[in-house]
């Protein structure tokens, strides 16, 4: 058995469960609403009118953020967080990162043909895998910070929510201004990531002996 703190800090389980339930509902509702559609309608049209295509320096920043979830960039981010977890002697958190990222990537990939939503008339777009990946990384980073710093439930909830929102906004903005995804694809990607993390953390802790 692994001798280290659990992947899910006890003081964060309530806030993470709330975020997970919220994420599941967001992804489910949006999936049912936009399955088989194409084009911008409703909130997508409104948000597209607010976020114009990125040009100049803004486009460069959007590409940099987007790169963090591209294959090469994702590997760099993945390894950096994994090594950080091991540096702080949190192997369960490192395992959680592997499991949650793997499940999130598999789900976002599998849901695309299932929902059948198209962007630019030919590319499957729902949900945003880029957003889901970065939000998962941000959430695991939050759990690591909460555990290492020994934060209480309230402070931990703020840290977790703050990192999730920051990652979601950053990657969501890049995907929308680069016209790689509709805004609702981004929200669904965030929802999938949040829905995956609580059961993935419970499973990791259960299988490694942190939960009996």
Protein backbone atom coordinates (compact mmCIF):
# COMPACT_ATOMS: atom_id res chain seq x y z
CA UNK A 1 0.00 0.00 0.00
CA UNK A 2 1.08 3.58 -0.64
CA UNK A 3 1.92 5.52 2.50
CA UNK A 4 1.02 9.13 1.76
CA UNK A 5 -1.91 11.52 2.24
CA UNK A 6 -5.06 10.66 0.24
CA UNK A 7 -5.52 12.03 -3.26
CA UNK A 8 -8.68 13.80 -2.09
CA UNK A 9 -7.91 15.87 1.02
CA UNK A 10 -10.75 15.26 3.55
CA UNK A 11 -11.38 19.00 3.92
CA UNK A 12 -11.98 19.34 0.16
CA UNK A 13 -14.34 16.43 -0.46
CA UNK A 14 -17.53 18.43 0.06
CA UNK A 15 -16.56 21.32 -2.20
CA UNK A 16 -15.24 18.93 -4.84
CA UNK A 17 -18.45 16.89 -4.74
CA UNK A 18 -20.51 20.05 -5.24
CA UNK A 19 -18.34 21.08 -8.19
CA UNK A 20 -18.57 17.54 -9.59
CA UNK A 21 -22.38 17.48 -9.42
CA UNK A 22 -22.54 20.92 -11.02
CA UNK A 23 -20.18 19.85 -13.79
CA UNK A 24 -22.16 16.70 -14.53
CA UNK A 25 -25.41 18.68 -14.85
CA UNK A 26 -23.79 21.31 -17.09
CA UNK A 27 -22.32 18.69 -19.44
CA UNK A 28 -25.56 16.66 -19.52
CA UNK A 29 -27.87 19.61 -20.18
CA UNK A 30 -25.64 21.11 -22.86
CA UNK A 31 -25.08 17.72 -24.48
CA UNK A 32 -28.82 17.12 -24.79
CA UNK A 33 -29.40 20.65 -26.04
CA UNK A 34 -26.70 20.82 -28.71
CA UNK A 35 -26.42 17.20 -29.91
CA UNK A 36 -26.56 17.00 -33.69
CA UNK A 37 -26.44 20.78 -34.19
CA UNK A 38 -24.14 23.06 -36.13
CA UNK A 39 -23.70 26.82 -36.15
CA UNK A 40 -24.03 29.54 -33.56
CA UNK A 41 -27.37 30.07 -31.88
CA UNK A 42 -28.53 31.47 -28.55
CA UNK A 43 -25.71 32.04 -26.04
CA UNK A 44 -23.06 30.97 -28.56
CA UNK A 45 -24.09 33.74 -30.94
CA UNK A 46 -24.05 36.30 -28.14
CA UNK A 47 -20.63 35.27 -26.85
CA UNK A 48 -19.18 35.05 -30.35
CA UNK A 49 -20.21 38.66 -30.88
CA UNK A 50 -18.37 39.64 -27.68
CA UNK A 51 -15.19 37.67 -28.34
CA UNK A 52 -13.94 38.61 -31.79
CA UNK A 53 -11.26 36.60 -33.51
CA UNK A 54 -7.88 37.21 -31.90
CA UNK A 55 -5.41 39.26 -33.90
CA UNK A 56 -1.85 40.41 -33.24
CA UNK A 57 -0.46 39.82 -29.73
CA UNK A 58 -3.81 38.48 -28.51
CA UNK A 59 -3.67 35.72 -31.10
CA UNK A 60 -0.15 34.77 -30.02
CA UNK A 61 -1.34 34.43 -26.41
CA UNK A 62 -4.33 32.38 -27.52
CA UNK A 63 -2.03 30.01 -29.42
CA UNK A 64 0.30 29.69 -26.40
CA UNK A 65 -2.63 28.79 -24.13
CA UNK A 66 -4.00 26.39 -26.75
CA UNK A 67 -0.58 24.70 -26.98
CA UNK A 68 -0.81 23.70 -23.31
CA UNK A 69 -3.44 21.12 -24.29
CA UNK A 70 -1.94 20.09 -27.62
CA UNK A 71 -0.13 16.71 -27.54
CA UNK A 72 3.39 18.08 -26.97
CA UNK A 73 2.29 20.85 -24.60
CA UNK A 74 0.03 18.50 -22.67
CA UNK A 75 2.91 16.08 -22.11
CA UNK A 76 5.06 18.93 -20.75
CA UNK A 77 2.26 20.09 -18.41
CA UNK A 78 1.52 16.51 -17.43
CA UNK A 79 5.13 15.70 -16.55
CA UNK A 80 5.65 18.99 -14.70
CA UNK A 81 2.65 18.43 -12.42
CA UNK A 82 3.50 14.75 -11.94
CA UNK A 83 7.07 15.54 -10.89
CA UNK A 84 5.80 18.28 -8.57
CA UNK A 85 3.46 15.80 -6.87
CA UNK A 86 6.33 13.37 -6.37
CA UNK A 87 8.62 16.16 -5.15
CA UNK A 88 6.13 16.89 -2.39
CA UNK A 89 5.74 13.16 -1.70
CA UNK A 90 2.15 12.97 -2.89
CA UNK A 91 2.14 9.84 -5.09
CA UNK A 92 -1.63 9.44 -4.76
CA UNK A 93 -2.10 12.93 -6.20
CA UNK A 94 0.18 12.00 -9.10
CA UNK A 95 -1.87 8.84 -9.70
CA UNK A 96 -5.05 10.93 -9.55
CA UNK A 97 -3.64 13.21 -12.23
CA UNK A 98 -2.95 10.24 -14.51
CA UNK A 99 -6.35 8.64 -13.93
CA UNK A 100 -8.45 11.81 -14.12
CA UNK A 101 -6.66 13.16 -17.20
CA UNK A 102 -6.92 9.77 -18.91
CA UNK A 103 -10.64 9.41 -18.20
CA UNK A 104 -11.35 13.02 -19.15
CA UNK A 105 -9.53 12.70 -22.47
CA UNK A 106 -11.31 9.41 -23.21
CA UNK A 107 -14.72 10.91 -22.38
CA UNK A 108 -14.30 14.10 -24.38
CA UNK A 109 -13.01 12.08 -27.33
CA UNK A 110 -15.86 9.57 -27.12
CA UNK A 111 -18.58 12.17 -26.63
CA UNK A 112 -17.70 14.04 -29.82
CA UNK A 113 -19.10 11.44 -32.26
CA UNK A 114 -21.88 10.59 -29.82
CA UNK A 115 -23.19 14.16 -29.70
CA UNK A 116 -22.32 14.85 -33.31
CA UNK A 117 -22.04 18.61 -32.99
CA UNK A 118 -20.11 20.21 -35.85
CA UNK A 119 -18.13 23.41 -36.17
CA UNK A 120 -17.17 24.87 -39.55
CA UNK A 121 -19.50 22.27 -41.02
CA UNK A 122 -17.12 19.32 -40.67
CA UNK A 123 -15.25 19.15 -37.34
CA UNK A 124 -16.70 17.47 -34.25
CA UNK A 125 -16.55 20.00 -31.42
CA UNK A 126 -18.59 18.97 -28.36
CA UNK A 127 -17.19 18.99 -25.70
CA UNK A 128 -13.89 20.87 -25.68
CA UNK A 129 -11.12 18.41 -24.81
CA UNK A 130 -8.59 21.22 -24.49
CA UNK A 131 -10.68 22.91 -21.80
CA UNK A 132 -11.38 19.64 -20.01
CA UNK A 133 -7.67 18.78 -19.87
CA UNK A 134 -6.52 22.12 -18.49
CA UNK A 135 -9.34 22.28 -15.94
CA UNK A 136 -8.43 18.77 -14.75
CA UNK A 137 -4.78 19.81 -14.34
CA UNK A 138 -5.84 22.98 -12.50
CA UNK A 139 -8.13 21.05 -10.14
CA UNK A 140 -5.44 18.48 -9.30
CA UNK A 141 -3.00 21.34 -8.72
CA UNK A 142 -5.54 22.86 -6.35
CA UNK A 143 -5.83 19.61 -4.40
CA UNK A 144 -2.05 19.43 -4.14
CA UNK A 145 -1.85 23.01 -2.82
CA UNK A 146 -4.65 22.37 -0.32
CA UNK A 147 -2.96 19.23 0.99
CA UNK A 148 0.60 20.59 1.13
CA UNK A 149 -0.44 23.89 2.73
CA UNK A 150 -2.94 22.25 5.07
CA UNK A 151 -5.74 24.63 4.07
CA UNK A 152 -9.10 24.42 5.75
CA UNK A 153 -12.42 23.76 3.96
CA UNK A 154 -13.21 27.41 3.21
CA UNK A 155 -9.76 28.45 2.03
CA UNK A 156 -9.42 25.19 0.12
CA UNK A 157 -12.73 25.75 -1.64
CA UNK A 158 -11.59 29.20 -2.77
CA UNK A 159 -8.28 27.86 -4.05
CA UNK A 160 -9.95 24.99 -5.89
CA UNK A 161 -12.69 27.12 -7.44
CA UNK A 162 -10.24 29.89 -8.31
CA UNK A 163 -7.85 27.63 -10.19
CA UNK A 164 -10.70 25.87 -12.00
CA UNK A 165 -12.27 29.16 -13.08
CA UNK A 166 -8.91 30.60 -14.14
CA UNK A 167 -8.05 27.55 -16.24
CA UNK A 168 -11.54 27.39 -17.73
CA UNK A 169 -11.56 31.07 -18.65
CA UNK A 170 -8.05 31.02 -20.11
CA UNK A 171 -8.47 27.93 -22.27
CA UNK A 172 -12.08 28.77 -23.06
CA UNK A 173 -11.10 32.21 -24.30
CA UNK A 174 -8.37 30.76 -26.52
CA UNK A 175 -10.70 28.16 -28.03
CA UNK A 176 -13.42 30.70 -28.76
CA UNK A 177 -11.23 33.43 -30.25
CA UNK A 178 -9.34 30.87 -32.34
CA UNK A 179 -12.77 29.60 -33.45
CA UNK A 180 -11.83 26.04 -32.50
CA UNK A 181 -14.96 25.62 -30.32
CA UNK A 182 -18.29 27.17 -29.54
CA UNK A 183 -18.54 28.76 -26.07
CA UNK A 184 -20.96 26.02 -24.96
CA UNK A 185 -18.40 23.38 -26.02
CA UNK A 186 -16.03 25.03 -23.56
CA UNK A 187 -18.58 24.97 -20.74
CA UNK A 188 -19.27 21.30 -21.42
CA UNK A 189 -15.55 20.50 -21.34
CA UNK A 190 -15.27 22.20 -17.97
CA UNK A 191 -18.29 20.21 -16.79
CA UNK A 192 -16.81 16.88 -17.86
CA UNK A 193 -13.54 17.61 -16.04
CA UNK A 194 -15.33 18.51 -12.81
CA UNK A 195 -17.61 15.48 -13.02
CA UNK A 196 -14.70 13.07 -13.45
CA UNK A 197 -12.48 14.24 -10.60
CA UNK A 198 -14.49 13.19 -7.48
CA UNK A 199 -15.09 9.55 -8.52
CA UNK A 200 -11.54 9.29 -9.90
CA UNK A 201 -10.13 10.53 -6.59
CA UNK A 202 -12.32 8.17 -4.57
CA UNK A 203 -11.23 5.25 -6.76
CA UNK A 204 -7.52 6.11 -6.42
CA UNK A 205 -7.82 6.39 -2.64
CA UNK A 206 -9.85 3.20 -2.44
CA UNK A 207 -7.45 1.12 -4.52
CA UNK A 208 -4.34 2.46 -2.79
CA UNK A 209 -5.65 1.91 0.74
CA UNK A 210 -6.41 5.50 1.71
CA UNK A 211 -10.14 4.66 2.01
CA UNK A 212 -11.24 1.45 3.71
